[in-house]
Amino acid sequence: FAPRCRYRMPVCDEPIPLFDFGAGHVAR
């Protein structure tokens, strides 16, 4: 999604893991 994202940063070009926000909520 990086080419369309308003928050794009250089690190977005690296493999992205899932981040856990608790209670089963995750986002990449």
PDB file of all heavy atoms in Angstrom:
ATOM      1  N   PHE A   1       0.816  -1.209   0.000  1.00  0.00           N
ATOM      2  CA  PHE A   1       0.000   0.000   0.000  1.00  0.00           C
ATOM      3  C   PHE A   1       0.856   1.268   0.000  1.00  0.00           C
ATOM      4  O   PHE A   1       0.332   2.367  -0.204  1.00  0.00           O
ATOM      5  CB  PHE A   1      -0.925  -0.009   1.224  1.00  0.00           C
ATOM      6  CG  PHE A   1      -1.901   1.138   1.265  1.00  0.00           C
ATOM      7  CD1 PHE A   1      -2.881   1.276   0.296  1.00  0.00           C
ATOM      8  CD2 PHE A   1      -1.838   2.087   2.284  1.00  0.00           C
ATOM      9  CE1 PHE A   1      -3.780   2.332   0.322  1.00  0.00           C
ATOM     10  CE2 PHE A   1      -2.727   3.149   2.329  1.00  0.00           C
ATOM     11  CZ  PHE A   1      -3.706   3.268   1.339  1.00  0.00           C
ATOM     12  N   ALA A   2       2.154   1.134   0.199  1.00  0.00           N
ATOM     13  CA  ALA A   2       3.042   2.292   0.368  1.00  0.00           C
ATOM     14  C   ALA A   2       2.917   3.334  -0.745  1.00  0.00           C
ATOM     15  O   ALA A   2       2.886   4.541  -0.454  1.00  0.00           O
ATOM     16  CB  ALA A   2       4.490   1.826   0.510  1.00  0.00           C
ATOM     17  N   PRO A   3       2.839   2.956  -2.034  1.00  0.00           N
ATOM     18  CA  PRO A   3       2.755   3.988  -3.078  1.00  0.00           C
ATOM     19  C   PRO A   3       1.514   4.875  -2.974  1.00  0.00           C
ATOM     20  O   PRO A   3       1.505   5.976  -3.521  1.00  0.00           O
ATOM     21  CB  PRO A   3       2.730   3.160  -4.376  1.00  0.00           C
ATOM     22  CG  PRO A   3       3.403   1.875  -4.022  1.00  0.00           C
ATOM     23  CD  PRO A   3       2.987   1.606  -2.614  1.00  0.00           C
ATOM     24  N   ARG A   4       0.489   4.426  -2.262  1.00  0.00           N
ATOM     25  CA  ARG A   4      -0.744   5.205  -2.138  1.00  0.00           C
ATOM     26  C   ARG A   4      -0.888   5.826  -0.751  1.00  0.00           C
ATOM     27  O   ARG A   4      -1.877   6.516  -0.483  1.00  0.00           O
ATOM     28  CB  ARG A   4      -1.953   4.295  -2.397  1.00  0.00           C
ATOM     29  CG  ARG A   4      -1.885   3.536  -3.681  1.00  0.00           C
ATOM     30  CD  ARG A   4      -2.984   2.507  -3.799  1.00  0.00           C
ATOM     31  NE  ARG A   4      -4.308   3.112  -3.967  1.00  0.00           N
ATOM     32  CZ  ARG A   4      -5.438   2.404  -4.010  1.00  0.00           C
ATOM     33  NH1 ARG A   4      -5.403   1.094  -3.883  1.00  0.00           N
ATOM     34  NH2 ARG A   4      -6.594   3.026  -4.162  1.00  0.00           N
ATOM     35  N   CYS A   5       0.064   5.579   0.120  1.00  0.00           N
ATOM     36  CA  CYS A   5      -0.087   5.947   1.530  1.00  0.00           C
ATOM     37  C   CYS A   5       0.464   7.346   1.808  1.00  0.00           C
ATOM     38  O   CYS A   5       1.574   7.694   1.395  1.00  0.00           O
ATOM     39  CB  CYS A   5       0.634   4.920   2.411  1.00  0.00           C
ATOM     40  SG  CYS A   5       0.429   5.212   4.183  1.00  0.00           S
ATOM     41  N   ARG A   6      -0.286   8.140   2.565  1.00  0.00           N
ATOM     42  CA  ARG A   6       0.149   9.503   2.907  1.00  0.00           C
ATOM     43  C   ARG A   6       1.243   9.516   3.964  1.00  0.00           C
ATOM     44  O   ARG A   6       1.825  10.559   4.258  1.00  0.00           O
ATOM     45  CB  ARG A   6      -1.052  10.314   3.393  1.00  0.00           C
ATOM     46  CG  ARG A   6      -1.852   9.644   4.485  1.00  0.00           C
ATOM     47  CD  ARG A   6      -3.149  10.372   4.767  1.00  0.00           C
ATOM     48  NE  ARG A   6      -4.152   9.479   5.337  1.00  0.00           N
ATOM     49  CZ  ARG A   6      -5.374   9.858   5.684  1.00  0.00           C
ATOM     50  NH1 ARG A   6      -5.735  11.107   5.524  1.00  0.00           N
ATOM     51  NH2 ARG A   6      -6.234   8.997   6.177  1.00  0.00           N
ATOM     52  N   TYR A   7       1.511   8.366   4.587  1.00  0.00           N
ATOM     53  CA  TYR A   7       2.536   8.288   5.629  1.00  0.00           C
ATOM     54  C   TYR A   7       3.775   7.535   5.156  1.00  0.00           C
ATOM     55  O   TYR A   7       4.571   7.074   5.966  1.00  0.00           O
ATOM     56  CB  TYR A   7       1.975   7.582   6.869  1.00  0.00           C
ATOM     57  CG  TYR A   7       0.784   8.285   7.457  1.00  0.00           C
ATOM     58  CD1 TYR A   7      -0.498   7.818   7.194  1.00  0.00           C
ATOM     59  CD2 TYR A   7       0.934   9.408   8.258  1.00  0.00           C
ATOM     60  CE1 TYR A   7      -1.611   8.462   7.720  1.00  0.00           C
ATOM     61  CE2 TYR A   7      -0.168  10.059   8.789  1.00  0.00           C
ATOM     62  CZ  TYR A   7      -1.433   9.577   8.512  1.00  0.00           C
ATOM     63  OH  TYR A   7      -2.531  10.225   9.031  1.00  0.00           O
ATOM     64  N   ARG A   8       3.949   7.385   3.856  1.00  0.00           N
ATOM     65  CA  ARG A   8       5.048   6.571   3.346  1.00  0.00           C
ATOM     66  C   ARG A   8       6.395   7.078   3.838  1.00  0.00           C
ATOM     67  O   ARG A   8       6.666   8.272   3.849  1.00  0.00           O
ATOM     68  CB  ARG A   8       5.031   6.569   1.821  1.00  0.00           C
ATOM     69  CG  ARG A   8       6.113   5.668   1.234  1.00  0.00           C
ATOM     70  CD  ARG A   8       6.008   5.547  -0.265  1.00  0.00           C
ATOM     71  NE  ARG A   8       6.983   4.579  -0.771  1.00  0.00           N
ATOM     72  CZ  ARG A   8       7.053   4.204  -2.032  1.00  0.00           C
ATOM     73  NH1 ARG A   8       6.224   4.709  -2.918  1.00  0.00           N
ATOM     74  NH2 ARG A   8       7.968   3.328  -2.407  1.00  0.00           N
ATOM     75  N   MET A   9       7.246   6.111   4.241  1.00  0.00           N
ATOM     76  CA  MET A   9       8.605   6.394   4.708  1.00  0.00           C
ATOM     77  C   MET A   9       9.563   5.403   4.058  1.00  0.00           C
ATOM     78  O   MET A   9       9.115   4.381   3.532  1.00  0.00           O
ATOM     79  CB  MET A   9       8.667   6.246   6.237  1.00  0.00           C
ATOM     80  CG  MET A   9       7.814   7.241   6.993  1.00  0.00           C
ATOM     81  SD  MET A   9       7.685   6.791   8.762  1.00  0.00           S
ATOM     82  CE  MET A   9       6.494   5.456   8.692  1.00  0.00           C
ATOM     83  N   PRO A  10      10.864   5.661   4.084  1.00  0.00           N
ATOM     84  CA  PRO A  10      11.818   4.716   3.482  1.00  0.00           C
ATOM     85  C   PRO A  10      11.695   3.302   4.049  1.00  0.00           C
ATOM     86  O   PRO A  10      11.867   2.321   3.304  1.00  0.00           O
ATOM     87  CB  PRO A  10      13.184   5.336   3.814  1.00  0.00           C
ATOM     88  CG  PRO A  10      12.898   6.804   3.904  1.00  0.00           C
ATOM     89  CD  PRO A  10      11.541   6.909   4.516  1.00  0.00           C
ATOM     90  N   VAL A  11      11.374   3.176   5.337  1.00  0.00           N
ATOM     91  CA  VAL A  11      11.293   1.859   5.961  1.00  0.00           C
ATOM     92  C   VAL A  11      10.136   1.044   5.399  1.00  0.00           C
ATOM     93  O   VAL A  11      10.097  -0.186   5.532  1.00  0.00           O
ATOM     94  CB  VAL A  11      11.162   2.007   7.497  1.00  0.00           C
ATOM     95  CG1 VAL A  11       9.792   2.554   7.881  1.00  0.00           C
ATOM     96  CG2 VAL A  11      11.430   0.687   8.194  1.00  0.00           C
ATOM     97  N   CYS A  12       9.177   1.698   4.727  1.00  0.00           N
ATOM     98  CA  CYS A  12       8.037   0.984   4.141  1.00  0.00           C
ATOM     99  C   CYS A  12       8.465   0.069   2.995  1.00  0.00           C
ATOM    100  O   CYS A  12       7.690  -0.805   2.579  1.00  0.00           O
ATOM    101  CB  CYS A  12       6.991   1.969   3.641  1.00  0.00           C
ATOM    102  SG  CYS A  12       6.236   2.978   4.938  1.00  0.00           S
ATOM    103  N   ASP A  13       9.661   0.260   2.463  1.00  0.00           N
ATOM    104  CA  ASP A  13      10.144  -0.577   1.374  1.00  0.00           C
ATOM    105  C   ASP A  13      10.761  -1.877   1.870  1.00  0.00           C
ATOM    106  O   ASP A  13      11.194  -2.705   1.055  1.00  0.00           O
ATOM    107  CB  ASP A  13      11.179   0.192   0.544  1.00  0.00           C
ATOM    108  CG  ASP A  13      10.553   1.392  -0.158  1.00  0.00           C
ATOM    109  OD1 ASP A  13       9.365   1.302  -0.526  1.00  0.00           O
ATOM    110  OD2 ASP A  13      11.248   2.414  -0.325  1.00  0.00           O
ATOM    111  N   GLU A  14      10.786  -2.070   3.195  1.00  0.00           N
ATOM    112  CA  GLU A  14      11.277  -3.313   3.776  1.00  0.00           C
ATOM    113  C   GLU A  14      10.096  -4.224   4.100  1.00  0.00           C
ATOM    114  O   GLU A  14       8.960  -3.756   4.201  1.00  0.00           O
ATOM    115  CB  GLU A  14      12.065  -3.014   5.066  1.00  0.00           C
ATOM    116  CG  GLU A  14      13.256  -2.099   4.857  1.00  0.00           C
ATOM    117  CD  GLU A  14      13.934  -1.747   6.175  1.00  0.00           C
ATOM    118  OE1 GLU A  14      13.584  -2.376   7.193  1.00  0.00           O
ATOM    119  OE2 GLU A  14      14.783  -0.839   6.169  1.00  0.00           O
ATOM    120  N   PRO A  15      10.324  -5.545   4.253  1.00  0.00           N
ATOM    121  CA  PRO A  15       9.235  -6.458   4.644  1.00  0.00           C
ATOM    122  C   PRO A  15       8.583  -5.999   5.948  1.00  0.00           C
ATOM    123  O   PRO A  15       9.264  -5.639   6.905  1.00  0.00           O
ATOM    124  CB  PRO A  15       9.952  -7.801   4.818  1.00  0.00           C
ATOM    125  CG  PRO A  15      11.146  -7.704   3.911  1.00  0.00           C
ATOM    126  CD  PRO A  15      11.579  -6.261   3.988  1.00  0.00           C
ATOM    127  N   ILE A  16       7.253  -6.001   5.980  1.00  0.00           N
ATOM    128  CA  ILE A  16       6.507  -5.459   7.108  1.00  0.00           C
ATOM    129  C   ILE A  16       5.874  -6.589   7.918  1.00  0.00           C
ATOM    130  O   ILE A  16       5.103  -7.392   7.376  1.00  0.00           O
ATOM    131  CB  ILE A  16       5.395  -4.497   6.631  1.00  0.00           C
ATOM    132  CG1 ILE A  16       5.956  -3.480   5.632  1.00  0.00           C
ATOM    133  CG2 ILE A  16       4.746  -3.809   7.824  1.00  0.00           C
ATOM    134  CD1 ILE A  16       7.035  -2.593   6.174  1.00  0.00           C
ATOM    135  N   PRO A  17       6.167  -6.665   9.222  1.00  0.00           N
ATOM    136  CA  PRO A  17       5.516  -7.682  10.057  1.00  0.00           C
ATOM    137  C   PRO A  17       4.131  -7.214  10.503  1.00  0.00           C
ATOM    138  O   PRO A  17       3.739  -6.071  10.278  1.00  0.00           O
ATOM    139  CB  PRO A  17       6.466  -7.791  11.253  1.00  0.00           C
ATOM    140  CG  PRO A  17       7.009  -6.394  11.395  1.00  0.00           C
ATOM    141  CD  PRO A  17       7.140  -5.860   9.995  1.00  0.00           C
ATOM    142  N   LEU A  18       3.380  -8.104  11.151  1.00  0.00           N
ATOM    143  CA  LEU A  18       2.114  -7.733  11.780  1.00  0.00           C
ATOM    144  C   LEU A  18       2.403  -7.207  13.179  1.00  0.00           C
ATOM    145  O   LEU A  18       3.189  -7.801  13.927  1.00  0.00           O
ATOM    146  CB  LEU A  18       1.184  -8.940  11.864  1.00  0.00           C
ATOM    147  CG  LEU A  18       0.480  -9.359  10.574  1.00  0.00           C
ATOM    148  CD1 LEU A  18      -0.186 -10.714  10.771  1.00  0.00           C
ATOM    149  CD2 LEU A  18      -0.542  -8.326  10.151  1.00  0.00           C
ATOM    150  N   PHE A  19       1.767  -6.101  13.546  1.00  0.00           N
ATOM    151  CA  PHE A  19       1.917  -5.537  14.884  1.00  0.00           C
ATOM    152  C   PHE A  19       0.660  -5.831  15.693  1.00  0.00           C
ATOM    153  O   PHE A  19      -0.460  -5.674  15.198  1.00  0.00           O
ATOM    154  CB  PHE A  19       2.185  -4.028  14.803  1.00  0.00           C
ATOM    155  CG  PHE A  19       3.531  -3.700  14.228  1.00  0.00           C
ATOM    156  CD1 PHE A  19       3.703  -3.558  12.857  1.00  0.00           C
ATOM    157  CD2 PHE A  19       4.641  -3.567  15.050  1.00  0.00           C
ATOM    158  CE1 PHE A  19       4.949  -3.276  12.314  1.00  0.00           C
ATOM    159  CE2 PHE A  19       5.894  -3.288  14.516  1.00  0.00           C
ATOM    160  CZ  PHE A  19       6.047  -3.140  13.154  1.00  0.00           C
ATOM    161  N   ASP A  20       0.868  -6.268  16.930  1.00  0.00           N
ATOM    162  CA  ASP A  20      -0.226  -6.726  17.781  1.00  0.00           C
ATOM    163  C   ASP A  20      -0.671  -5.605  18.710  1.00  0.00           C
ATOM    164  O   ASP A  20       0.128  -5.036  19.450  1.00  0.00           O
ATOM    165  CB  ASP A  20       0.253  -7.934  18.600  1.00  0.00           C
ATOM    166  CG  ASP A  20      -0.874  -8.617  19.354  1.00  0.00           C
ATOM    167  OD1 ASP A  20      -1.977  -8.051  19.421  1.00  0.00           O
ATOM    168  OD2 ASP A  20      -0.644  -9.725  19.870  1.00  0.00           O
ATOM    169  N   PHE A  21      -1.970  -5.282  18.687  1.00  0.00           N
ATOM    170  CA  PHE A  21      -2.529  -4.235  19.542  1.00  0.00           C
ATOM    171  C   PHE A  21      -3.369  -4.801  20.677  1.00  0.00           C
ATOM    172  O   PHE A  21      -4.057  -4.068  21.376  1.00  0.00           O
ATOM    173  CB  PHE A  21      -3.369  -3.274  18.691  1.00  0.00           C
ATOM    174  CG  PHE A  21      -2.592  -2.648  17.586  1.00  0.00           C
ATOM    175  CD1 PHE A  21      -2.612  -3.200  16.310  1.00  0.00           C
ATOM    176  CD2 PHE A  21      -1.796  -1.539  17.810  1.00  0.00           C
ATOM    177  CE1 PHE A  21      -1.873  -2.647  15.287  1.00  0.00           C
ATOM    178  CE2 PHE A  21      -1.047  -0.982  16.787  1.00  0.00           C
ATOM    179  CZ  PHE A  21      -1.092  -1.531  15.528  1.00  0.00           C
ATOM    180  N   GLY A  22      -3.296  -6.111  20.866  1.00  0.00           N
ATOM    181  CA  GLY A  22      -4.012  -6.751  21.952  1.00  0.00           C
ATOM    182  C   GLY A  22      -5.423  -7.148  21.561  1.00  0.00           C
ATOM    183  O   GLY A  22      -6.010  -6.614  20.629  1.00  0.00           O
ATOM    184  N   ALA A  23      -5.964  -8.129  22.284  1.00  0.00           N
ATOM    185  CA  ALA A  23      -7.331  -8.615  22.081  1.00  0.00           C
ATOM    186  C   ALA A  23      -7.559  -9.097  20.651  1.00  0.00           C
ATOM    187  O   ALA A  23      -8.656  -8.971  20.112  1.00  0.00           O
ATOM    188  CB  ALA A  23      -8.342  -7.538  22.455  1.00  0.00           C
ATOM    189  N   GLY A  24      -6.506  -9.633  20.019  1.00  0.00           N
ATOM    190  CA  GLY A  24      -6.636 -10.189  18.685  1.00  0.00           C
ATOM    191  C   GLY A  24      -6.569  -9.193  17.548  1.00  0.00           C
ATOM    192  O   GLY A  24      -6.738  -9.563  16.386  1.00  0.00           O
ATOM    193  N   HIS A  25      -6.303  -7.916  17.843  1.00  0.00           N
ATOM    194  CA  HIS A  25      -6.257  -6.870  16.821  1.00  0.00           C
ATOM    195  C   HIS A  25      -4.827  -6.736  16.313  1.00  0.00           C
ATOM    196  O   HIS A  25      -3.915  -6.413  17.083  1.00  0.00           O
ATOM    197  CB  HIS A  25      -6.749  -5.547  17.415  1.00  0.00           C
ATOM    198  CG  HIS A  25      -6.930  -4.474  16.403  1.00  0.00           C
ATOM    199  ND1 HIS A  25      -7.246  -3.176  16.744  1.00  0.00           N
ATOM    200  CD2 HIS A  25      -6.853  -4.485  15.041  1.00  0.00           C
ATOM    201  CE1 HIS A  25      -7.352  -2.440  15.654  1.00  0.00           C
ATOM    202  NE2 HIS A  25      -7.114  -3.210  14.611  1.00  0.00           N
ATOM    203  N   VAL A  26      -4.611  -6.970  15.008  1.00  0.00           N
ATOM    204  CA  VAL A  26      -3.275  -6.861  14.420  1.00  0.00           C
ATOM    205  C   VAL A  26      -3.367  -6.039  13.141  1.00  0.00           C
ATOM    206  O   VAL A  26      -4.403  -5.971  12.486  1.00  0.00           O
ATOM    207  CB  VAL A  26      -2.667  -8.248  14.114  1.00  0.00           C
ATOM    208  CG1 VAL A  26      -2.456  -9.047  15.380  1.00  0.00           C
ATOM    209  CG2 VAL A  26      -3.537  -9.018  13.131  1.00  0.00           C
ATOM    210  N   ALA A  27      -2.241  -5.399  12.785  1.00  0.00           N
ATOM    211  CA  ALA A  27      -2.173  -4.617  11.545  1.00  0.00           C
ATOM    212  C   ALA A  27      -0.752  -4.656  11.005  1.00  0.00           C
ATOM    213  O   ALA A  27       0.211  -4.708  11.764  1.00  0.00           O
ATOM    214  CB  ALA A  27      -2.616  -3.174  11.779  1.00  0.00           C
ATOM    215  N   ARG A  28      -0.645  -4.611   9.673  1.00  0.00           N
ATOM    216  CA  ARG A  28       0.656  -4.676   9.013  1.00  0.00           C
ATOM    217  C   ARG A  28       1.055  -3.274   8.575  1.00  0.00           C
ATOM    218  O   ARG A  28       0.763  -2.835   7.461  1.00  0.00           O
ATOM    219  CB  ARG A  28       0.574  -5.621   7.805  1.00  0.00           C
ATOM    220  CG  ARG A  28       1.920  -6.043   7.242  1.00  0.00           C
ATOM    221  CD  ARG A  28       1.745  -6.960   6.041  1.00  0.00           C
ATOM    222  NE  ARG A  28       1.008  -8.157   6.344  1.00  0.00           N
ATOM    223  CZ  ARG A  28       1.542  -9.252   6.901  1.00  0.00           C
ATOM    224  NH1 ARG A  28       2.828  -9.275   7.207  1.00  0.00           N
ATOM    225  NH2 ARG A  28       0.799 -10.315   7.141  1.00  0.00           N
TER     226      ARG A  28
END
